[in-house]
Amino acid sequence: MRKKYDIITFGSATLDVFLETNDFLIRKEKKSISREMICFPFASKVDLKGMSFLTGGGGTNTAAGFSTQGFKTAFCGTIGNDFAGQEVFKDLKRVGVATELLFKTDKAMTNLSVIFSKDMDRICFVWRDASEFLKLDKKLISSLNADWFYLAPLSGHLADNFERLVNLAQKRKIHVFANLGNSQINLGIKKLKPVLEKIDILLLNQEEASLLTKIPYNNETGILKKLSKLVPGIIVITKGVQGAIVFNDGNLWSSKALSVKVVEKTGAGDAFGSGFLSGLIRENDIEFAFQLAMANAMSCIQKKGAKQGLLKKGETYRKVKIKKVKI
């Protein structure tokens, strides 16, 4: 008999290397989306103020969030047989995430991110490798049993599993929460439409929602109307410091983030997603889920890394002001 979980998460598992330095220049660049670029001089040594190693990746970050909230959680993914993989494995054990669906490979290295940070800004160098080696063979598929699948962004070849996992979930009456990444968005609406129709909750940030719908990011109503024709369930769009919006059945909830001391922003979106689904499962109430999502994200960014600041089950938190309108 298959072991059943409340939630199984899918996505990347990484070792995040955080480097802190003041030894760089900020250059204005019109061709850059952010308008600012970090510059280092060639043939020089760069002094670091600090360095730390923490685990990350959307699949493990959300698994940690659910487990910390008290849910029976497993992460399904692949790591390398290396130091980084050992750290990922130990961290999942530390937060109580089941590792029966975690696989090791000698053919690839565990995903790695190198993050340069200064104050609240950062730049990430990402190496994607072992996570893309997950194979949905018959043996693995037969062992996937849960109330929910949480699909974190599936990059590279891992994106090929997106439709298969959604179809499997529908066949087994498993609910699906999908946080799309660029690899999935780049598939285009025509290919995604039959998959999105089977999703219970869709999470995107504002830029991703604009890319998927091809509607300007500041036209929220237009984006929501188009997404609502694709997704029958709940649509969630995060907007960074501007907060987030939630849309379901003609109702729009919106909230701005509270002012908090930001240490590091890595994992904020994953904390929001795991907080939202945790709240929805617990209370079956969108406003409660929204509050927990906002609180979890704000708590996350007050600590370094994606897992250190996650709220524990029953932990108190500051509430945001939520507006609800009919559109």
Protein backbone atom coordinates (compact mmCIF):
# COMPACT_ATOMS: atom_id res chain seq x y z
CA MET A 1 0.00 0.00 0.00
CA ARG A 2 1.33 3.44 -0.93
CA LYS A 3 2.29 5.70 1.95
CA LYS A 4 0.03 8.75 1.95
CA TYR A 5 1.14 12.32 2.66
CA ASP A 6 -0.79 15.52 3.16
CA ILE A 7 1.45 17.19 0.58
CA ILE A 8 4.19 16.11 -1.81
CA THR A 9 6.31 18.91 -3.24
CA PHE A 10 8.16 18.82 -6.54
CA GLY A 11 10.90 21.16 -7.73
CA SER A 12 14.54 21.97 -7.22
CA ALA A 13 16.85 21.22 -4.31
CA THR A 14 19.90 23.48 -4.04
CA LEU A 15 22.75 24.54 -1.85
CA ASP A 16 22.73 28.33 -1.60
CA VAL A 17 26.08 30.02 -1.05
CA PHE A 18 25.61 33.55 0.28
CA LEU A 19 28.47 35.97 -0.30
CA GLU A 20 28.50 39.45 1.22
CA THR A 21 30.79 42.13 -0.15
CA ASN A 22 30.98 45.86 -0.70
CA ASP A 23 33.68 45.45 -3.37
CA PHE A 24 31.61 46.11 -6.45
CA LEU A 25 30.25 49.01 -8.46
CA ILE A 26 26.65 49.76 -9.43
CA ARG A 27 26.32 50.76 -13.07
CA LYS A 28 23.22 52.23 -14.67
CA GLU A 29 22.30 50.37 -17.85
CA LYS A 30 19.32 51.23 -20.06
CA LYS A 31 19.31 47.77 -21.68
CA SER A 32 18.91 46.02 -18.31
CA ILE A 33 15.40 45.32 -17.05
CA SER A 34 16.42 46.32 -13.52
CA ARG A 35 18.28 49.38 -14.85
CA GLU A 36 21.18 48.60 -12.53
CA MET A 37 24.08 46.20 -12.94
CA ILE A 38 26.71 44.94 -10.51
CA CYS A 39 30.27 45.29 -11.80
CA PHE A 40 33.48 43.62 -10.58
CA PRO A 41 36.93 44.59 -11.90
CA PHE A 42 38.80 41.87 -13.82
CA ALA A 43 42.16 40.55 -12.52
CA SER A 44 41.42 41.52 -8.93
CA LYS A 45 40.63 39.86 -5.61
CA VAL A 46 37.29 40.66 -4.04
CA ASP A 47 37.15 40.79 -0.25
CA LEU A 48 34.11 39.22 1.38
CA LYS A 49 32.37 40.54 4.49
CA GLY A 50 30.69 37.20 5.15
CA MET A 51 29.81 33.83 3.70
CA SER A 52 27.24 31.18 4.61
CA PHE A 53 25.87 27.91 3.23
CA LEU A 54 22.12 27.23 3.42
CA THR A 55 19.83 24.92 1.48
CA GLY A 56 17.25 26.21 -0.96
CA GLY A 57 15.29 25.38 -4.08
CA GLY A 58 11.53 25.74 -4.52
CA GLY A 59 10.80 22.08 -3.88
CA THR A 60 12.63 21.84 -0.55
CA ASN A 61 11.71 25.36 0.59
CA THR A 62 8.00 24.69 0.31
CA ALA A 63 8.36 21.22 1.81
CA ALA A 64 10.03 22.82 4.84
CA GLY A 65 7.21 25.37 5.04
CA PHE A 66 4.51 22.70 5.08
CA SER A 67 6.34 20.49 7.57
CA THR A 68 6.94 23.44 9.88
CA GLN A 69 3.19 24.11 9.73
CA GLY A 70 2.56 20.56 10.95
CA PHE A 71 1.67 18.75 7.73
CA LYS A 72 2.90 15.30 6.76
CA THR A 73 5.14 16.30 3.87
CA ALA A 74 7.48 14.64 1.39
CA PHE A 75 9.82 16.19 -1.15
CA CYS A 76 10.17 14.40 -4.48
CA GLY A 77 13.35 15.31 -6.30
CA THR A 78 16.95 14.47 -7.08
CA ILE A 79 20.28 15.51 -5.55
CA GLY A 80 23.86 14.62 -6.37
CA ASN A 81 25.98 12.23 -4.35
CA ASP A 82 28.09 15.12 -3.05
CA PHE A 83 28.57 17.54 -0.14
CA ALA A 84 25.75 19.80 -1.29
CA GLY A 85 23.39 16.84 -1.55
CA GLN A 86 24.29 15.72 1.96
CA GLU A 87 23.45 19.19 3.27
CA VAL A 88 20.07 19.15 1.52
CA PHE A 89 19.31 15.69 2.93
CA LYS A 90 20.27 16.71 6.48
CA ASP A 91 18.23 19.92 6.31
CA LEU A 92 15.11 18.10 5.15
CA LYS A 93 15.51 15.68 8.04
CA ARG A 94 15.98 18.62 10.43
CA VAL A 95 12.62 20.14 9.51
CA GLY A 96 10.79 16.81 9.47
CA VAL A 97 10.30 16.36 5.71
CA ALA A 98 10.07 12.74 4.54
CA THR A 99 12.94 11.73 2.23
CA GLU A 100 11.56 8.45 0.85
CA LEU A 101 11.00 10.20 -2.50
CA LEU A 102 14.41 11.91 -2.55
CA PHE A 103 16.82 10.30 -5.01
CA LYS A 104 20.60 10.52 -5.40
CA THR A 105 22.52 10.37 -8.65
CA ASP A 106 26.22 9.94 -9.45
CA LYS A 107 25.65 11.42 -12.91
CA ALA A 108 25.15 15.02 -11.83
CA MET A 109 25.94 17.57 -9.14
CA THR A 110 23.40 18.95 -6.70
CA ASN A 111 22.01 22.29 -7.89
CA LEU A 112 24.01 25.25 -6.64
CA SER A 113 23.23 28.96 -6.28
CA VAL A 114 25.81 31.63 -5.52
CA ILE A 115 24.12 34.74 -4.17
CA PHE A 116 25.85 38.10 -3.89
CA SER A 117 23.97 40.34 -1.50
CA LYS A 118 24.27 43.89 -0.28
CA ASP A 119 21.64 45.40 1.97
CA MET A 120 18.29 44.31 0.44
CA ASP A 121 19.57 43.71 -3.09
CA ARG A 122 21.04 40.53 -4.52
CA ILE A 123 22.11 38.74 -7.66
CA CYS A 124 22.00 34.96 -8.06
CA PHE A 125 24.24 32.72 -10.17
CA VAL A 126 22.38 29.43 -10.64
CA TRP A 127 23.76 26.01 -11.59
CA ARG A 128 20.97 23.56 -12.47
CA ASP A 129 21.96 19.92 -12.71
CA ALA A 130 20.80 17.01 -10.53
CA SER A 131 17.24 18.29 -10.04
CA GLU A 132 16.60 17.79 -13.74
CA PHE A 133 17.40 14.07 -13.46
CA LEU A 134 14.10 13.17 -11.78
CA LYS A 135 12.48 10.35 -13.76
CA LEU A 136 8.79 9.63 -13.40
CA ASP A 137 9.10 5.90 -13.97
CA LYS A 138 6.40 3.38 -13.09
CA LYS A 139 7.90 2.61 -9.69
CA LEU A 140 7.97 6.27 -8.63
CA ILE A 141 4.53 7.03 -10.03
CA SER A 142 3.07 4.10 -8.10
CA SER A 143 4.43 5.54 -4.84
CA LEU A 144 3.00 9.07 -5.23
CA ASN A 145 0.03 9.35 -2.90
CA ALA A 146 -1.11 12.59 -1.27
CA ASP A 147 -4.00 14.97 -0.80
CA TRP A 148 -2.04 17.71 -2.57
CA PHE A 149 0.77 18.06 -5.09
CA TYR A 150 2.70 21.32 -4.77
CA LEU A 151 4.53 21.99 -8.04
CA ALA A 152 7.26 24.57 -7.47
CA PRO A 153 8.88 26.05 -10.61
CA LEU A 154 10.13 23.13 -12.72
CA SER A 155 13.13 24.29 -14.72
CA GLY A 156 14.88 22.84 -17.75
CA HIS A 157 14.10 19.18 -18.48
CA LEU A 158 12.15 18.98 -15.21
CA ALA A 159 9.46 21.11 -16.87
CA ASP A 160 8.67 18.11 -19.09
CA ASN A 161 7.15 16.44 -16.01
CA PHE A 162 4.66 19.25 -15.42
CA GLU A 163 1.81 17.93 -17.55
CA ARG A 164 2.40 14.32 -16.46
CA LEU A 165 2.19 15.24 -12.78
CA VAL A 166 -0.99 17.28 -13.27
CA ASN A 167 -2.63 14.49 -15.25
CA LEU A 168 -1.59 11.94 -12.64
CA ALA A 169 -3.05 14.12 -9.89
CA GLN A 170 -6.36 14.44 -11.71
CA LYS A 171 -6.51 10.70 -12.28
CA ARG A 172 -5.95 10.03 -8.57
CA LYS A 173 -8.13 12.93 -7.39
CA ILE A 174 -5.16 14.77 -5.89
CA HIS A 175 -5.41 18.57 -5.65
CA VAL A 176 -2.75 20.63 -7.44
CA PHE A 177 -1.05 23.89 -6.41
CA ALA A 178 1.20 25.13 -9.24
CA ASN A 179 3.81 27.88 -9.00
CA LEU A 180 4.92 28.26 -12.61
CA GLY A 181 8.50 29.11 -13.55
CA ASN A 182 9.89 30.56 -16.78
CA SER A 183 10.46 27.13 -18.33
CA GLN A 184 6.75 26.37 -18.01
CA ILE A 185 5.60 29.85 -19.02
CA ASN A 186 7.76 29.65 -22.15
CA LEU A 187 5.71 26.66 -23.27
CA GLY A 188 3.00 29.19 -24.13
CA ILE A 189 -0.70 29.38 -23.34
CA LYS A 190 -1.72 27.09 -26.20
CA LYS A 191 0.24 24.18 -24.72
CA LEU A 192 -0.46 25.11 -21.09
CA LYS A 193 -4.22 25.63 -21.43
CA PRO A 194 -5.31 21.96 -21.12
CA VAL A 195 -3.00 21.60 -18.10
CA LEU A 196 -4.04 24.82 -16.34
CA GLU A 197 -7.68 23.73 -16.57
CA LYS A 198 -6.87 20.93 -14.10
CA ILE A 199 -5.15 23.13 -11.48
CA ASP A 200 -6.78 24.09 -8.19
CA ILE A 201 -4.45 26.98 -7.28
CA LEU A 202 -2.09 28.94 -9.55
CA LEU A 203 0.68 31.14 -8.10
CA LEU A 204 2.64 33.66 -10.16
CA ASN A 205 4.50 36.85 -9.46
CA GLN A 206 3.41 40.00 -11.27
CA GLU A 207 6.05 39.76 -14.01
CA GLU A 208 5.30 36.06 -14.65
CA ALA A 209 1.58 36.76 -14.89
CA SER A 210 2.29 39.46 -17.47
CA LEU A 211 4.58 37.15 -19.49
CA LEU A 212 2.05 34.31 -19.47
CA THR A 213 -0.93 36.45 -20.52
CA LYS A 214 1.06 38.93 -22.67
CA ILE A 215 -0.80 41.74 -20.91
CA PRO A 216 1.11 44.71 -19.35
CA TYR A 217 1.95 43.88 -15.72
CA ASN A 218 0.13 46.97 -14.36
CA ASN A 219 -3.18 45.89 -15.96
CA GLU A 220 -4.24 43.62 -13.08
CA THR A 221 -7.88 43.38 -14.14
CA GLY A 222 -6.95 42.33 -17.67
CA ILE A 223 -4.46 39.75 -16.38
CA LEU A 224 -6.97 38.27 -13.93
CA LYS A 225 -9.76 38.08 -16.51
CA LYS A 226 -7.49 36.21 -18.91
CA LEU A 227 -6.11 33.87 -16.24
CA SER A 228 -9.62 33.14 -14.94
CA LYS A 229 -10.50 31.76 -18.37
CA LEU A 230 -7.56 29.37 -18.10
CA VAL A 231 -7.71 28.35 -14.42
CA PRO A 232 -11.01 27.30 -12.82
CA GLY A 233 -9.64 27.59 -9.27
CA ILE A 234 -7.82 30.20 -7.19
CA ILE A 235 -5.35 32.62 -8.79
CA VAL A 236 -2.65 34.21 -6.62
CA ILE A 237 -0.30 36.96 -7.83
CA THR A 238 2.52 38.27 -5.64
CA LYS A 239 3.81 41.81 -6.11
CA GLY A 240 6.92 42.04 -3.95
CA VAL A 241 6.87 44.99 -1.54
CA GLN A 242 3.45 45.93 -2.98
CA GLY A 243 1.92 42.80 -1.41
CA ALA A 244 -0.30 40.36 -3.29
CA ILE A 245 -3.73 39.74 -4.77
CA VAL A 246 -5.96 36.65 -4.74
CA PHE A 247 -8.81 36.03 -7.19
CA ASN A 248 -11.54 33.41 -7.00
CA ASP A 249 -15.08 33.19 -8.31
CA GLY A 250 -15.34 36.90 -9.13
CA ASN A 251 -13.93 38.02 -5.77
CA LEU A 252 -10.63 39.90 -5.46
CA TRP A 253 -8.65 40.07 -2.22
CA SER A 254 -5.69 42.45 -2.01
CA SER A 255 -3.17 43.46 0.62
CA LYS A 256 0.05 45.40 0.96
CA ALA A 257 3.02 44.05 2.89
CA LEU A 258 3.82 45.36 6.34
CA SER A 259 7.06 47.22 6.92
CA VAL A 260 9.65 44.85 8.37
CA LYS A 261 13.43 44.78 8.63
CA VAL A 262 14.56 42.87 5.56
CA VAL A 263 17.66 40.72 5.95
CA GLU A 264 17.46 38.70 2.72
CA LYS A 265 14.67 38.07 0.19
CA THR A 266 15.53 34.54 -0.97
CA GLY A 267 12.58 32.17 -0.58
CA ALA A 268 9.90 34.80 0.03
CA GLY A 269 7.73 33.48 -2.80
CA ASP A 270 8.08 29.89 -1.58
CA ALA A 271 7.17 30.97 1.96
CA PHE A 272 4.10 32.74 0.59
CA GLY A 273 3.00 29.69 -1.38
CA SER A 274 3.45 27.21 1.46
CA GLY A 275 1.75 29.61 3.86
CA PHE A 276 -1.25 30.08 1.58
CA LEU A 277 -1.88 26.40 1.01
CA SER A 278 -1.28 25.61 4.70
CA GLY A 279 -3.90 28.16 5.69
CA LEU A 280 -6.38 26.99 3.09
CA ILE A 281 -6.08 23.35 4.14
CA ARG A 282 -6.40 24.26 7.81
CA GLU A 283 -9.38 26.64 7.66
CA ASN A 284 -10.77 26.35 4.10
CA ASP A 285 -10.92 30.16 4.13
CA ILE A 286 -9.16 32.35 1.57
CA GLU A 287 -8.70 35.33 3.86
CA PHE A 288 -7.12 33.16 6.56
CA ALA A 289 -4.86 31.59 3.94
CA PHE A 290 -3.91 35.04 2.63
CA GLN A 291 -3.00 36.25 6.14
CA LEU A 292 -0.81 33.22 6.83
CA ALA A 293 0.87 33.53 3.43
CA MET A 294 1.74 37.20 3.97
CA ALA A 295 2.97 36.54 7.51
CA ASN A 296 5.10 33.57 6.44
CA ALA A 297 6.74 35.56 3.63
CA MET A 298 7.43 38.55 5.88
CA SER A 299 8.86 36.29 8.57
CA CYS A 300 11.06 34.54 5.99
CA ILE A 301 12.75 37.71 4.73
CA GLN A 302 13.76 38.72 8.25
CA LYS A 303 16.26 35.83 8.35
CA LYS A 304 18.97 34.75 5.92
CA GLY A 305 18.06 31.93 3.58
CA ALA A 306 14.72 30.44 2.63
CA LYS A 307 14.03 28.21 5.65
CA GLN A 308 15.37 29.98 8.75
CA GLY A 309 12.45 32.38 9.24
CA LEU A 310 9.49 30.13 8.42
CA LEU A 311 6.57 30.35 10.85
CA LYS A 312 5.83 27.33 13.01
CA LYS A 313 2.33 25.93 13.46
CA GLY A 314 0.42 28.07 15.95
CA GLU A 315 3.04 30.82 16.05
CA THR A 316 1.50 34.29 16.39
CA TYR A 317 2.01 36.91 13.69
CA ARG A 318 1.06 40.44 12.72
CA LYS A 319 -1.97 40.64 10.47
CA VAL A 320 -2.24 42.68 7.30
CA LYS A 321 -5.23 44.68 6.14
CA ILE A 322 -7.07 42.78 3.42
CA LYS A 323 -9.55 44.40 1.05
CA LYS A 324 -12.20 42.37 -0.74
CA VAL A 325 -14.11 43.54 -3.81
CA LYS A 326 -16.24 41.99 -6.53
CA ILE A 327 -14.98 42.34 -10.09
